[in-house]
Amino acid sequence: MSVPLTLLGLLEREPSHGYDLKRDYDAFFGRGKPLPFGQVYATLARLARDGKVVVGESEAGAGPDRKRYVITEQGATEFETWLGEPVEAEPHLQTVLFAKVVLALILGRDAGRYLDTQRAAHLQRMRELTEIKRAGSLVDALLADHGLFHLEADLRWIDLTTARLDALAEAVRS
């Protein structure tokens, strides 16, 4: 997730205060991992430094004065370019899951047990995402579906790898 480009997109909608940007980011993109305030303001400072946003006049609020951020033409162009580019296809060929299996085999450890443990963790996460999908909003359901599809692909890979462990062990030890 590109925080700077996501904030630019939120600013393209309308000029906003850092607090409002954090709230909107967390509501749409921060499920389970809210954006720290420090990261919001550090990112906005870099965007301002790079000419992608400008800081409007300070406004009095309940606490410290609030600054309203406005996207610039340069920021809007960068956001539009990013929005139009396809996302790199995932997963990469060298995943953590693959690395752990190969290392277990190289070290003579029980890679099958690791795969079983990983399968159980994936199934548990799938149950959690299914509950989110059932009880949540449309946004929650779509995000849960995305996670479920990735987990399903991982489970297929785990099953395939489990079936080929002996051959893989021979390949990595030779």
N, C-alpha and C. Protein backbone atom coordinates (compact mmCIF):
# COMPACT_ATOMS: atom_id res chain seq x y z
N MET A 1 0.85 -1.17 0.00
CA MET A 1 0.00 0.00 0.00
C MET A 1 0.89 1.23 0.00
N SER A 2 0.65 2.14 -0.90
CA SER A 2 1.41 3.37 -0.97
C SER A 2 0.66 4.46 -0.20
N VAL A 3 1.15 4.74 0.99
CA VAL A 3 0.50 5.75 1.82
C VAL A 3 0.53 7.12 1.16
N PRO A 4 1.67 7.57 0.62
CA PRO A 4 1.67 8.91 0.00
C PRO A 4 0.66 9.04 -1.14
N LEU A 5 0.61 8.04 -2.00
CA LEU A 5 -0.31 8.13 -3.13
C LEU A 5 -1.76 7.99 -2.68
N THR A 6 -1.99 7.20 -1.66
CA THR A 6 -3.35 7.08 -1.14
C THR A 6 -3.81 8.40 -0.52
N LEU A 7 -2.92 9.07 0.21
CA LEU A 7 -3.26 10.38 0.78
C LEU A 7 -3.50 11.40 -0.33
N LEU A 8 -2.70 11.33 -1.40
CA LEU A 8 -2.95 12.23 -2.53
C LEU A 8 -4.34 11.99 -3.11
N GLY A 9 -4.73 10.73 -3.22
CA GLY A 9 -6.06 10.42 -3.73
C GLY A 9 -7.16 10.97 -2.84
N LEU A 10 -6.97 10.86 -1.53
CA LEU A 10 -7.96 11.42 -0.61
C LEU A 10 -8.01 12.94 -0.72
N LEU A 11 -6.86 13.56 -0.95
CA LEU A 11 -6.82 15.01 -1.10
C LEU A 11 -7.40 15.47 -2.44
N GLU A 12 -7.33 14.62 -3.44
CA GLU A 12 -7.93 15.00 -4.72
C GLU A 12 -9.44 15.18 -4.57
N ARG A 13 -10.02 14.40 -3.68
CA ARG A 13 -11.46 14.50 -3.41
C ARG A 13 -11.80 15.88 -2.86
N GLU A 14 -11.01 16.32 -1.85
CA GLU A 14 -11.21 17.64 -1.26
C GLU A 14 -10.04 17.96 -0.35
N PRO A 15 -9.71 19.25 -0.18
CA PRO A 15 -8.68 19.63 0.79
C PRO A 15 -9.09 19.13 2.18
N SER A 16 -8.10 18.68 2.95
CA SER A 16 -8.42 18.08 4.25
C SER A 16 -7.33 18.36 5.27
N HIS A 17 -7.71 18.23 6.53
CA HIS A 17 -6.76 18.29 7.64
C HIS A 17 -6.13 16.91 7.80
N GLY A 18 -4.96 16.86 8.40
CA GLY A 18 -4.28 15.59 8.64
C GLY A 18 -5.15 14.62 9.43
N TYR A 19 -5.86 15.14 10.43
CA TYR A 19 -6.73 14.30 11.25
C TYR A 19 -7.80 13.63 10.39
N ASP A 20 -8.40 14.41 9.48
CA ASP A 20 -9.45 13.87 8.61
C ASP A 20 -8.88 12.84 7.63
N LEU A 21 -7.68 13.09 7.14
CA LEU A 21 -7.04 12.13 6.24
C LEU A 21 -6.78 10.81 6.95
N LYS A 22 -6.30 10.88 8.19
CA LYS A 22 -6.06 9.65 8.96
C LYS A 22 -7.37 8.90 9.17
N ARG A 23 -8.41 9.62 9.55
CA ARG A 23 -9.71 8.99 9.79
C ARG A 23 -10.20 8.28 8.53
N ASP A 24 -10.12 8.95 7.39
CA ASP A 24 -10.60 8.35 6.14
C ASP A 24 -9.71 7.19 5.71
N TYR A 25 -8.40 7.35 5.86
CA TYR A 25 -7.48 6.26 5.51
C TYR A 25 -7.81 5.03 6.35
N ASP A 26 -7.93 5.21 7.65
CA ASP A 26 -8.22 4.08 8.54
C ASP A 26 -9.56 3.44 8.21
N ALA A 27 -10.56 4.26 7.87
CA ALA A 27 -11.90 3.73 7.57
C ALA A 27 -11.89 2.87 6.31
N PHE A 28 -11.13 3.27 5.30
CA PHE A 28 -11.14 2.55 4.03
C PHE A 28 -10.00 1.54 3.88
N PHE A 29 -8.83 1.85 4.41
CA PHE A 29 -7.65 1.05 4.11
C PHE A 29 -6.94 0.49 5.33
N GLY A 30 -7.26 0.94 6.52
CA GLY A 30 -6.49 0.60 7.71
C GLY A 30 -7.05 -0.55 8.51
N ARG A 31 -7.90 -1.36 7.93
CA ARG A 31 -8.51 -2.47 8.66
C ARG A 31 -7.43 -3.30 9.35
N GLY A 32 -7.45 -3.29 10.65
CA GLY A 32 -6.49 -4.08 11.42
C GLY A 32 -5.13 -3.44 11.54
N LYS A 33 -4.87 -2.36 10.80
CA LYS A 33 -3.57 -1.70 10.89
C LYS A 33 -3.76 -0.20 10.63
N PRO A 34 -4.25 0.52 11.65
CA PRO A 34 -4.46 1.95 11.45
C PRO A 34 -3.14 2.69 11.20
N LEU A 35 -3.25 3.76 10.48
CA LEU A 35 -2.10 4.58 10.14
C LEU A 35 -1.73 5.45 11.34
N PRO A 36 -0.49 5.40 11.82
CA PRO A 36 -0.09 6.25 12.95
C PRO A 36 -0.14 7.73 12.55
N PHE A 37 -0.54 8.57 13.51
CA PHE A 37 -0.58 10.02 13.24
C PHE A 37 0.77 10.54 12.77
N GLY A 38 1.84 10.06 13.39
CA GLY A 38 3.18 10.51 13.00
C GLY A 38 3.47 10.24 11.54
N GLN A 39 3.03 9.09 11.05
CA GLN A 39 3.26 8.75 9.65
C GLN A 39 2.44 9.65 8.73
N VAL A 40 1.23 9.98 9.15
CA VAL A 40 0.40 10.88 8.34
C VAL A 40 1.11 12.22 8.16
N TYR A 41 1.54 12.81 9.27
CA TYR A 41 2.14 14.14 9.19
C TYR A 41 3.52 14.13 8.56
N ALA A 42 4.29 13.07 8.76
CA ALA A 42 5.59 12.96 8.10
C ALA A 42 5.40 12.82 6.59
N THR A 43 4.41 12.04 6.19
CA THR A 43 4.12 11.87 4.76
C THR A 43 3.64 13.17 4.15
N LEU A 44 2.76 13.88 4.85
CA LEU A 44 2.27 15.17 4.34
C LEU A 44 3.42 16.17 4.22
N ALA A 45 4.35 16.14 5.17
CA ALA A 45 5.50 17.06 5.10
C ALA A 45 6.35 16.75 3.87
N ARG A 46 6.57 15.47 3.58
CA ARG A 46 7.36 15.11 2.40
C ARG A 46 6.62 15.49 1.11
N LEU A 47 5.31 15.27 1.10
CA LEU A 47 4.52 15.65 -0.08
C LEU A 47 4.58 17.16 -0.31
N ALA A 48 4.54 17.93 0.78
CA ALA A 48 4.65 19.39 0.67
C ALA A 48 6.04 19.79 0.19
N ARG A 49 7.05 19.15 0.76
CA ARG A 49 8.44 19.44 0.36
C ARG A 49 8.65 19.18 -1.13
N ASP A 50 8.00 18.11 -1.64
CA ASP A 50 8.17 17.72 -3.03
C ASP A 50 7.20 18.43 -3.98
N GLY A 51 6.41 19.36 -3.46
CA GLY A 51 5.52 20.16 -4.30
C GLY A 51 4.24 19.45 -4.71
N LYS A 52 3.88 18.37 -4.03
CA LYS A 52 2.68 17.62 -4.41
C LYS A 52 1.44 18.06 -3.63
N VAL A 53 1.66 18.71 -2.51
CA VAL A 53 0.57 19.33 -1.75
C VAL A 53 1.07 20.68 -1.26
N VAL A 54 0.13 21.56 -0.95
CA VAL A 54 0.47 22.82 -0.30
C VAL A 54 -0.33 22.87 1.00
N VAL A 55 0.25 23.55 1.95
CA VAL A 55 -0.39 23.69 3.25
C VAL A 55 -1.13 25.01 3.26
N GLY A 56 -2.42 24.95 3.52
CA GLY A 56 -3.23 26.15 3.60
C GLY A 56 -3.00 26.86 4.92
N GLU A 57 -3.78 27.87 5.16
CA GLU A 57 -3.66 28.62 6.40
C GLU A 57 -4.06 27.76 7.59
N SER A 58 -3.43 28.03 8.71
CA SER A 58 -3.78 27.32 9.95
C SER A 58 -5.14 27.80 10.44
N GLU A 59 -5.91 26.83 10.95
CA GLU A 59 -7.24 27.14 11.47
C GLU A 59 -7.28 26.75 12.94
N ALA A 60 -7.92 27.58 13.73
CA ALA A 60 -8.03 27.26 15.16
C ALA A 60 -8.99 26.08 15.32
N GLY A 61 -8.63 25.18 16.22
CA GLY A 61 -9.48 24.02 16.51
C GLY A 61 -9.55 23.82 18.00
N ALA A 62 -10.06 22.69 18.41
CA ALA A 62 -10.17 22.37 19.83
C ALA A 62 -8.79 22.19 20.46
N GLY A 63 -7.82 21.78 19.67
CA GLY A 63 -6.46 21.58 20.16
C GLY A 63 -5.53 22.54 19.45
N PRO A 64 -4.39 22.05 18.99
CA PRO A 64 -3.47 22.89 18.23
C PRO A 64 -4.11 23.35 16.92
N ASP A 65 -3.58 24.42 16.37
CA ASP A 65 -4.08 24.90 15.08
C ASP A 65 -4.00 23.78 14.06
N ARG A 66 -5.02 23.73 13.20
CA ARG A 66 -5.09 22.68 12.20
C ARG A 66 -4.73 23.26 10.84
N LYS A 67 -3.96 22.48 10.08
CA LYS A 67 -3.57 22.89 8.74
C LYS A 67 -4.37 22.09 7.72
N ARG A 68 -4.87 22.79 6.73
CA ARG A 68 -5.62 22.14 5.65
C ARG A 68 -4.64 21.92 4.49
N TYR A 69 -4.59 20.69 4.00
CA TYR A 69 -3.69 20.33 2.90
C TYR A 69 -4.48 20.28 1.60
N VAL A 70 -3.84 20.79 0.53
CA VAL A 70 -4.46 20.87 -0.79
C VAL A 70 -3.51 20.23 -1.79
N ILE A 71 -4.05 19.36 -2.64
CA ILE A 71 -3.23 18.71 -3.66
C ILE A 71 -2.86 19.73 -4.73
N THR A 72 -1.65 19.63 -5.27
CA THR A 72 -1.21 20.52 -6.35
C THR A 72 -1.40 19.81 -7.68
N GLU A 73 -1.17 20.53 -8.74
CA GLU A 73 -1.25 19.95 -10.09
C GLU A 73 -0.25 18.80 -10.21
N GLN A 74 0.95 18.99 -9.69
CA GLN A 74 1.97 17.93 -9.73
C GLN A 74 1.49 16.70 -8.95
N GLY A 75 0.92 16.90 -7.79
CA GLY A 75 0.41 15.79 -7.00
C GLY A 75 -0.73 15.08 -7.69
N ALA A 76 -1.63 15.85 -8.31
CA ALA A 76 -2.76 15.25 -9.02
C ALA A 76 -2.29 14.44 -10.22
N THR A 77 -1.27 14.95 -10.92
CA THR A 77 -0.72 14.22 -12.06
C THR A 77 -0.08 12.91 -11.61
N GLU A 78 0.69 12.96 -10.54
CA GLU A 78 1.33 11.75 -10.03
C GLU A 78 0.28 10.73 -9.58
N PHE A 79 -0.75 11.20 -8.90
CA PHE A 79 -1.81 10.30 -8.45
C PHE A 79 -2.50 9.67 -9.66
N GLU A 80 -2.84 10.47 -10.66
CA GLU A 80 -3.54 9.97 -11.83
C GLU A 80 -2.68 8.93 -12.57
N THR A 81 -1.39 9.17 -12.67
CA THR A 81 -0.47 8.21 -13.30
C THR A 81 -0.47 6.91 -12.52
N TRP A 82 -0.32 7.00 -11.20
CA TRP A 82 -0.30 5.81 -10.33
C TRP A 82 -1.61 5.04 -10.44
N LEU A 83 -2.72 5.75 -10.44
CA LEU A 83 -4.04 5.12 -10.48
C LEU A 83 -4.21 4.32 -11.77
N GLY A 84 -3.65 4.81 -12.87
CA GLY A 84 -3.80 4.15 -14.16
C GLY A 84 -2.85 2.99 -14.40
N GLU A 85 -1.82 2.84 -13.56
CA GLU A 85 -0.84 1.76 -13.74
C GLU A 85 -1.37 0.46 -13.12
N PRO A 86 -1.15 -0.67 -13.80
CA PRO A 86 -1.56 -1.94 -13.19
C PRO A 86 -0.68 -2.26 -11.99
N VAL A 87 -1.27 -2.95 -11.04
CA VAL A 87 -0.54 -3.40 -9.86
C VAL A 87 0.29 -4.61 -10.26
N GLU A 88 1.50 -4.68 -9.75
CA GLU A 88 2.37 -5.81 -10.07
C GLU A 88 1.71 -7.11 -9.62
N ALA A 89 1.75 -8.09 -10.51
CA ALA A 89 1.14 -9.38 -10.20
C ALA A 89 1.84 -10.03 -9.00
N GLU A 90 1.05 -10.57 -8.11
CA GLU A 90 1.55 -11.26 -6.93
C GLU A 90 1.16 -12.72 -7.05
N PRO A 91 1.73 -13.62 -6.39
CA PRO A 91 2.89 -13.43 -5.53
C PRO A 91 4.18 -13.54 -6.33
N HIS A 92 5.24 -13.10 -5.71
CA HIS A 92 6.56 -13.24 -6.31
C HIS A 92 6.96 -14.70 -6.26
N LEU A 93 7.91 -15.08 -7.07
CA LEU A 93 8.30 -16.48 -7.12
C LEU A 93 8.97 -16.95 -5.83
N GLN A 94 9.64 -16.10 -5.11
CA GLN A 94 10.30 -16.48 -3.86
C GLN A 94 9.50 -15.93 -2.69
N THR A 95 8.59 -16.72 -2.17
CA THR A 95 7.79 -16.28 -1.03
C THR A 95 8.41 -16.78 0.26
N VAL A 96 7.99 -16.22 1.36
CA VAL A 96 8.45 -16.66 2.68
C VAL A 96 8.04 -18.11 2.90
N LEU A 97 6.83 -18.43 2.49
CA LEU A 97 6.34 -19.80 2.64
C LEU A 97 7.26 -20.80 1.93
N PHE A 98 7.63 -20.51 0.70
CA PHE A 98 8.54 -21.36 -0.06
C PHE A 98 9.90 -21.44 0.61
N ALA A 99 10.43 -20.30 1.04
CA ALA A 99 11.75 -20.28 1.68
C ALA A 99 11.77 -21.14 2.93
N LYS A 100 10.72 -21.09 3.73
CA LYS A 100 10.68 -21.89 4.96
C LYS A 100 10.67 -23.39 4.65
N VAL A 101 9.92 -23.78 3.64
CA VAL A 101 9.86 -25.20 3.26
C VAL A 101 11.23 -25.67 2.79
N VAL A 102 11.85 -24.90 1.90
CA VAL A 102 13.16 -25.30 1.37
C VAL A 102 14.20 -25.34 2.49
N LEU A 103 14.21 -24.35 3.35
CA LEU A 103 15.17 -24.35 4.46
C LEU A 103 14.95 -25.54 5.40
N ALA A 104 13.70 -25.85 5.68
CA ALA A 104 13.40 -27.02 6.53
C ALA A 104 13.97 -28.28 5.89
N LEU A 105 13.79 -28.42 4.59
CA LEU A 105 14.30 -29.60 3.89
C LEU A 105 15.83 -29.63 3.86
N ILE A 106 16.45 -28.50 3.59
CA ILE A 106 17.92 -28.43 3.57
C ILE A 106 18.49 -28.82 4.93
N LEU A 107 17.81 -28.40 5.99
CA LEU A 107 18.29 -28.65 7.34
C LEU A 107 17.82 -30.00 7.90
N GLY A 108 17.13 -30.78 7.08
CA GLY A 108 16.68 -32.09 7.52
C GLY A 108 15.53 -32.04 8.52
N ARG A 109 14.80 -30.97 8.54
CA ARG A 109 13.66 -30.83 9.44
C ARG A 109 12.38 -31.28 8.75
N ASP A 110 11.34 -31.45 9.54
CA ASP A 110 10.07 -31.96 9.03
C ASP A 110 9.28 -30.83 8.37
N ALA A 111 9.47 -30.67 7.07
CA ALA A 111 8.77 -29.63 6.33
C ALA A 111 7.27 -29.93 6.29
N GLY A 112 6.89 -31.18 6.31
CA GLY A 112 5.48 -31.56 6.31
C GLY A 112 4.77 -31.03 7.54
N ARG A 113 5.43 -31.09 8.67
CA ARG A 113 4.82 -30.56 9.91
C ARG A 113 4.65 -29.06 9.80
N TYR A 114 5.65 -28.38 9.24
CA TYR A 114 5.53 -26.94 9.05
C TYR A 114 4.34 -26.63 8.13
N LEU A 115 4.22 -27.37 7.03
CA LEU A 115 3.11 -27.13 6.10
C LEU A 115 1.76 -27.39 6.77
N ASP A 116 1.68 -28.42 7.61
CA ASP A 116 0.43 -28.69 8.35
C ASP A 116 0.09 -27.53 9.28
N THR A 117 1.12 -27.00 9.97
CA THR A 117 0.91 -25.86 10.87
C THR A 117 0.44 -24.64 10.08
N GLN A 118 1.07 -24.42 8.93
CA GLN A 118 0.68 -23.29 8.08
C GLN A 118 -0.74 -23.46 7.57
N ARG A 119 -1.09 -24.67 7.16
CA ARG A 119 -2.45 -24.96 6.69
C ARG A 119 -3.47 -24.62 7.78
N ALA A 120 -3.19 -25.07 9.00
CA ALA A 120 -4.11 -24.81 10.12
C ALA A 120 -4.26 -23.30 10.36
N ALA A 121 -3.16 -22.56 10.27
CA ALA A 121 -3.21 -21.10 10.46
C ALA A 121 -4.03 -20.45 9.35
N HIS A 122 -3.85 -20.91 8.12
CA HIS A 122 -4.61 -20.36 7.00
C HIS A 122 -6.11 -20.66 7.17
N LEU A 123 -6.44 -21.86 7.57
CA LEU A 123 -7.85 -22.22 7.76
C LEU A 123 -8.49 -21.38 8.86
N GLN A 124 -7.74 -21.13 9.93
CA GLN A 124 -8.26 -20.27 11.00
C GLN A 124 -8.50 -18.86 10.49
N ARG A 125 -7.56 -18.33 9.73
CA ARG A 125 -7.73 -16.99 9.18
C ARG A 125 -8.91 -16.95 8.20
N MET A 126 -9.11 -18.01 7.45
CA MET A 126 -10.25 -18.07 6.53
C MET A 126 -11.57 -18.03 7.30
N ARG A 127 -11.62 -18.70 8.45
CA ARG A 127 -12.84 -18.65 9.27
C ARG A 127 -13.08 -17.22 9.76
N GLU A 128 -12.01 -16.54 10.18
CA GLU A 128 -12.14 -15.15 10.64
C GLU A 128 -12.63 -14.24 9.52
N LEU A 129 -12.04 -14.39 8.33
CA LEU A 129 -12.44 -13.56 7.20
C LEU A 129 -13.86 -13.86 6.76
N THR A 130 -14.28 -15.10 6.85
CA THR A 130 -15.65 -15.46 6.50
C THR A 130 -16.63 -14.79 7.45
N GLU A 131 -16.28 -14.73 8.72
CA GLU A 131 -17.14 -14.05 9.69
C GLU A 131 -17.19 -12.55 9.41
N ILE A 132 -16.06 -11.96 9.08
CA ILE A 132 -16.02 -10.53 8.71
C ILE A 132 -16.91 -10.30 7.50
N LYS A 133 -16.81 -11.18 6.53
CA LYS A 133 -17.60 -11.07 5.31
C LYS A 133 -19.09 -11.17 5.63
N ARG A 134 -19.44 -12.08 6.51
CA ARG A 134 -20.85 -12.30 6.86
C ARG A 134 -21.43 -11.11 7.62
N ALA A 135 -20.67 -10.56 8.54
CA ALA A 135 -21.20 -9.54 9.45
C ALA A 135 -20.84 -8.11 9.07
N GLY A 136 -19.94 -7.94 8.12
CA GLY A 136 -19.44 -6.60 7.84
C GLY A 136 -20.16 -5.89 6.71
N SER A 137 -19.63 -4.74 6.40
CA SER A 137 -20.15 -3.91 5.32
C SER A 137 -19.69 -4.48 3.97
N LEU A 138 -20.13 -3.86 2.90
CA LEU A 138 -19.70 -4.26 1.57
C LEU A 138 -18.18 -4.12 1.43
N VAL A 139 -17.61 -3.03 1.95
CA VAL A 139 -16.16 -2.83 1.89
C VAL A 139 -15.46 -3.95 2.64
N ASP A 140 -15.95 -4.28 3.83
CA ASP A 140 -15.36 -5.38 4.60
C ASP A 140 -15.46 -6.70 3.84
N ALA A 141 -16.61 -6.95 3.21
CA ALA A 141 -16.81 -8.20 2.47
C ALA A 141 -15.86 -8.31 1.29
N LEU A 142 -15.66 -7.21 0.57
CA LEU A 142 -14.74 -7.25 -0.57
C LEU A 142 -13.30 -7.46 -0.12
N LEU A 143 -12.90 -6.80 0.95
CA LEU A 143 -11.56 -7.01 1.48
C LEU A 143 -11.38 -8.43 1.99
N ALA A 144 -12.40 -8.97 2.63
CA ALA A 144 -12.35 -10.35 3.11
C ALA A 144 -12.25 -11.31 1.94
N ASP A 145 -13.02 -11.08 0.88
CA ASP A 145 -12.92 -11.93 -0.31
C ASP A 145 -11.51 -11.93 -0.88
N HIS A 146 -10.91 -10.76 -0.94
CA HIS A 146 -9.54 -10.66 -1.47
C HIS A 146 -8.60 -11.53 -0.64
N GLY A 147 -8.69 -11.42 0.67
CA GLY A 147 -7.86 -12.24 1.54
C GLY A 147 -8.17 -13.72 1.40
N LEU A 148 -9.45 -14.06 1.31
CA LEU A 148 -9.84 -15.47 1.16
C LEU A 148 -9.29 -16.08 -0.12
N PHE A 149 -9.33 -15.35 -1.20
CA PHE A 149 -8.82 -15.88 -2.47
C PHE A 149 -7.32 -16.14 -2.40
N HIS A 150 -6.59 -15.25 -1.75
CA HIS A 150 -5.15 -15.46 -1.58
C HIS A 150 -4.88 -16.68 -0.70
N LEU A 151 -5.64 -16.81 0.37
CA LEU A 151 -5.46 -17.96 1.25
C LEU A 151 -5.80 -19.26 0.55
N GLU A 152 -6.85 -19.25 -0.28
CA GLU A 152 -7.20 -20.45 -1.04
C GLU A 152 -6.06 -20.85 -1.97
N ALA A 153 -5.45 -19.88 -2.62
CA ALA A 153 -4.32 -20.18 -3.50
C ALA A 153 -3.16 -20.75 -2.68
N ASP A 154 -2.88 -20.17 -1.53
CA ASP A 154 -1.83 -20.71 -0.66
C ASP A 154 -2.13 -22.14 -0.24
N LEU A 155 -3.38 -22.42 0.08
CA LEU A 155 -3.75 -23.78 0.49
C LEU A 155 -3.55 -24.78 -0.65
N ARG A 156 -3.88 -24.38 -1.87
CA ARG A 156 -3.63 -25.26 -3.02
C ARG A 156 -2.14 -25.52 -3.16
N TRP A 157 -1.32 -24.48 -2.98
CA TRP A 157 0.13 -24.63 -3.07
C TRP A 157 0.64 -25.54 -1.95
N ILE A 158 0.13 -25.36 -0.75
CA ILE A 158 0.53 -26.21 0.38
C ILE A 158 0.22 -27.67 0.07
N ASP A 159 -0.96 -27.94 -0.46
CA ASP A 159 -1.33 -29.32 -0.79
C ASP A 159 -0.42 -29.89 -1.88
N LEU A 160 -0.16 -29.11 -2.91
CA LEU A 160 0.71 -29.55 -3.99
C LEU A 160 2.13 -29.80 -3.48
N THR A 161 2.62 -28.90 -2.65
CA THR A 161 3.98 -29.04 -2.11
C THR A 161 4.08 -30.25 -1.18
N THR A 162 3.06 -30.46 -0.37
CA THR A 162 3.04 -31.62 0.51
C THR A 162 3.14 -32.91 -0.31
N ALA A 163 2.43 -32.95 -1.42
CA ALA A 163 2.47 -34.14 -2.28
C ALA A 163 3.83 -34.33 -2.94
N ARG A 164 4.60 -33.27 -3.07
CA ARG A 164 5.90 -33.33 -3.76
C ARG A 164 7.09 -33.17 -2.81
N LEU A 165 6.88 -33.29 -1.52
CA LEU A 165 7.96 -33.05 -0.56
C LEU A 165 9.17 -33.96 -0.77
N ASP A 166 8.94 -35.21 -1.04
CA ASP A 166 10.06 -36.12 -1.22
C ASP A 166 10.91 -35.70 -2.42
N ALA A 167 10.26 -35.37 -3.52
CA ALA A 167 10.99 -34.94 -4.72
C ALA A 167 11.70 -33.61 -4.47
N LEU A 168 11.04 -32.71 -3.76
CA LEU A 168 11.66 -31.41 -3.46
C LEU A 168 12.85 -31.59 -2.54
N ALA A 169 12.73 -32.46 -1.56
CA ALA A 169 13.85 -32.72 -0.64
C ALA A 169 15.05 -33.24 -1.42
N GLU A 170 14.81 -34.13 -2.35
CA GLU A 170 15.90 -34.68 -3.15
C GLU A 170 16.54 -33.58 -4.01
N ALA A 171 15.71 -32.70 -4.57
CA ALA A 171 16.22 -31.63 -5.42
C ALA A 171 17.05 -30.62 -4.64
N VAL A 172 16.65 -30.27 -3.44
CA VAL A 172 17.39 -29.24 -2.69
C VAL A 172 18.62 -29.81 -1.98
N ARG A 173 18.66 -31.11 -1.78
CA ARG A 173 19.83 -31.71 -1.11
C ARG A 173 20.89 -32.16 -2.09
N SER A 174 20.58 -32.15 -3.39
CA SER A 174 21.58 -32.62 -4.35
C SER A 174 22.43 -31.51 -4.92
